[in-house]
């Protein structure tokens, strides 16, 4: 759903000042999955932000979850995260 992707993108951009941000809907890969039956989606996020400088990977993931707020309960069933600081961006 494009609207969900845009909501995810807006939250991450606003909260984490992303220099690069890609949001991909992978829900179609999980059709029939028990967790997908409630209508929430599976997404992949690649985000590059100066906010992540000096942060461990787990802290970066927590920052992404925090930025998404209630979307994690209402719209997102599963989230794959690739979070990098600018100097780590290939």
C-alpha atoms as a PDB file:
ATOM      1  CA  UNK A   1       0.000   0.000   0.000  1.00  0.00           C
ATOM      2  CA  UNK A   2       1.475   3.265  -1.169  1.00  0.00           C
ATOM      3  CA  UNK A   3      -0.144   5.210   1.681  1.00  0.00           C
ATOM      4  CA  UNK A   4       1.609   3.050   4.286  1.00  0.00           C
ATOM      5  CA  UNK A   5       4.930   3.428   2.543  1.00  0.00           C
ATOM      6  CA  UNK A   6       4.490   7.204   2.493  1.00  0.00           C
ATOM      7  CA  UNK A   7       3.545   7.230   6.194  1.00  0.00           C
ATOM      8  CA  UNK A   8       6.665   5.197   7.006  1.00  0.00           C
ATOM      9  CA  UNK A   9       8.794   7.492   4.858  1.00  0.00           C
ATOM     10  CA  UNK A  10       7.345  10.638   6.457  1.00  0.00           C
ATOM     11  CA  UNK A  11       7.951   9.418  10.027  1.00  0.00           C
ATOM     12  CA  UNK A  12      11.526   8.375   9.338  1.00  0.00           C
ATOM     13  CA  UNK A  13      12.377  11.549   7.433  1.00  0.00           C
ATOM     14  CA  UNK A  14      10.914  13.788  10.107  1.00  0.00           C
ATOM     15  CA  UNK A  15      12.414  11.987  13.106  1.00  0.00           C
ATOM     16  CA  UNK A  16      15.787  10.869  11.719  1.00  0.00           C
ATOM     17  CA  UNK A  17      16.688  13.499   9.079  1.00  0.00           C
ATOM     18  CA  UNK A  18      17.471  10.861   6.477  1.00  0.00           C
ATOM     19  CA  UNK A  19      19.987  11.724   3.768  1.00  0.00           C
ATOM     20  CA  UNK A  20      18.867   8.637   1.875  1.00  0.00           C
ATOM     21  CA  UNK A  21      15.673   6.687   2.451  1.00  0.00           C
ATOM     22  CA  UNK A  22      14.185   3.722   0.626  1.00  0.00           C
ATOM     23  CA  UNK A  23      11.015   1.976   1.748  1.00  0.00           C
ATOM     24  CA  UNK A  24      10.048  -1.257   0.004  1.00  0.00           C
ATOM     25  CA  UNK A  25       6.807  -3.161   0.536  1.00  0.00           C
ATOM     26  CA  UNK A  26       7.600  -6.890   0.700  1.00  0.00           C
ATOM     27  CA  UNK A  27       4.110  -7.920   1.820  1.00  0.00           C
ATOM     28  CA  UNK A  28       3.464  -9.857  -1.373  1.00  0.00           C
ATOM     29  CA  UNK A  29       6.309 -12.205  -0.422  1.00  0.00           C
ATOM     30  CA  UNK A  30       4.465 -13.172   2.751  1.00  0.00           C
ATOM     31  CA  UNK A  31       0.973 -13.866   1.442  1.00  0.00           C
ATOM     32  CA  UNK A  32      -0.705 -16.469   3.615  1.00  0.00           C
ATOM     33  CA  UNK A  33       1.733 -15.875   6.469  1.00  0.00           C
ATOM     34  CA  UNK A  34      -0.074 -16.009   9.821  1.00  0.00           C
ATOM     35  CA  UNK A  35       1.118 -12.548  10.814  1.00  0.00           C
ATOM     36  CA  UNK A  36      -0.018 -11.007   7.541  1.00  0.00           C
ATOM     37  CA  UNK A  37      -3.653 -12.030   7.990  1.00  0.00           C
ATOM     38  CA  UNK A  38      -4.417  -9.005  10.155  1.00  0.00           C
ATOM     39  CA  UNK A  39      -3.655  -6.672   7.243  1.00  0.00           C
ATOM     40  CA  UNK A  40      -0.374  -5.254   8.491  1.00  0.00           C
ATOM     41  CA  UNK A  41       2.544  -5.321   6.065  1.00  0.00           C
ATOM     42  CA  UNK A  42       6.113  -6.509   5.709  1.00  0.00           C
ATOM     43  CA  UNK A  43       8.584  -3.756   4.802  1.00  0.00           C
ATOM     44  CA  UNK A  44      12.275  -3.215   4.153  1.00  0.00           C
ATOM     45  CA  UNK A  45      13.850   0.143   5.026  1.00  0.00           C
ATOM     46  CA  UNK A  46      17.274   1.384   3.989  1.00  0.00           C
ATOM     47  CA  UNK A  47      18.104   4.626   5.736  1.00  0.00           C
ATOM     48  CA  UNK A  48      21.253   6.742   5.880  1.00  0.00           C
ATOM     49  CA  UNK A  49      21.274   9.380   8.604  1.00  0.00           C
ATOM     50  CA  UNK A  50      23.834  11.363  10.580  1.00  0.00           C
ATOM     51  CA  UNK A  51      21.766  10.477  13.652  1.00  0.00           C
ATOM     52  CA  UNK A  52      23.278   6.980  13.463  1.00  0.00           C
ATOM     53  CA  UNK A  53      26.895   8.151  13.805  1.00  0.00           C
ATOM     54  CA  UNK A  54      28.511   6.350  16.727  1.00  0.00           C
ATOM     55  CA  UNK A  55      25.455   4.177  17.368  1.00  0.00           C
ATOM     56  CA  UNK A  56      25.565   0.393  17.596  1.00  0.00           C
ATOM     57  CA  UNK A  57      23.302  -1.527  15.191  1.00  0.00           C
ATOM     58  CA  UNK A  58      20.800  -2.384  17.924  1.00  0.00           C
ATOM     59  CA  UNK A  59      20.534   1.282  18.944  1.00  0.00           C
ATOM     60  CA  UNK A  60      19.926   2.228  15.307  1.00  0.00           C
ATOM     61  CA  UNK A  61      17.101  -0.286  15.036  1.00  0.00           C
ATOM     62  CA  UNK A  62      15.584   1.030  18.256  1.00  0.00           C
ATOM     63  CA  UNK A  63      15.762   4.568  16.865  1.00  0.00           C
ATOM     64  CA  UNK A  64      13.913   3.459  13.717  1.00  0.00           C
ATOM     65  CA  UNK A  65      11.228   1.682  15.771  1.00  0.00           C
ATOM     66  CA  UNK A  66      10.842   4.745  17.990  1.00  0.00           C
ATOM     67  CA  UNK A  67      10.530   7.023  14.948  1.00  0.00           C
ATOM     68  CA  UNK A  68       7.782   4.819  13.517  1.00  0.00           C
ATOM     69  CA  UNK A  69       5.834   4.956  16.776  1.00  0.00           C
ATOM     70  CA  UNK A  70       2.348   3.517  16.540  1.00  0.00           C
ATOM     71  CA  UNK A  71       2.809   2.427  12.916  1.00  0.00           C
ATOM     72  CA  UNK A  72       4.606  -0.584  14.399  1.00  0.00           C
ATOM     73  CA  UNK A  73       1.339  -1.641  16.045  1.00  0.00           C
ATOM     74  CA  UNK A  74      -1.159  -0.513  13.406  1.00  0.00           C
ATOM     75  CA  UNK A  75       0.458  -0.933   9.984  1.00  0.00           C
ATOM     76  CA  UNK A  76       3.717  -2.900  10.186  1.00  0.00           C
ATOM     77  CA  UNK A  77       3.928  -6.592  10.979  1.00  0.00           C
ATOM     78  CA  UNK A  78       7.597  -7.072  10.071  1.00  0.00           C
ATOM     79  CA  UNK A  79      10.404  -4.653   9.309  1.00  0.00           C
ATOM     80  CA  UNK A  80      13.825  -5.338   7.837  1.00  0.00           C
ATOM     81  CA  UNK A  81      16.214  -2.465   8.577  1.00  0.00           C
ATOM     82  CA  UNK A  82      19.464  -1.391   6.926  1.00  0.00           C
ATOM     83  CA  UNK A  83      20.495   1.694   8.942  1.00  0.00           C
ATOM     84  CA  UNK A  84      23.793   3.413   8.208  1.00  0.00           C
ATOM     85  CA  UNK A  85      25.677   6.552   9.085  1.00  0.00           C
ATOM     86  CA  UNK A  86      26.773   8.695   6.090  1.00  0.00           C
ATOM     87  CA  UNK A  87      30.382   7.520   6.237  1.00  0.00           C
ATOM     88  CA  UNK A  88      29.202   3.903   5.941  1.00  0.00           C
ATOM     89  CA  UNK A  89      27.161   4.536   2.813  1.00  0.00           C
ATOM     90  CA  UNK A  90      28.764   2.860  -0.219  1.00  0.00           C
END
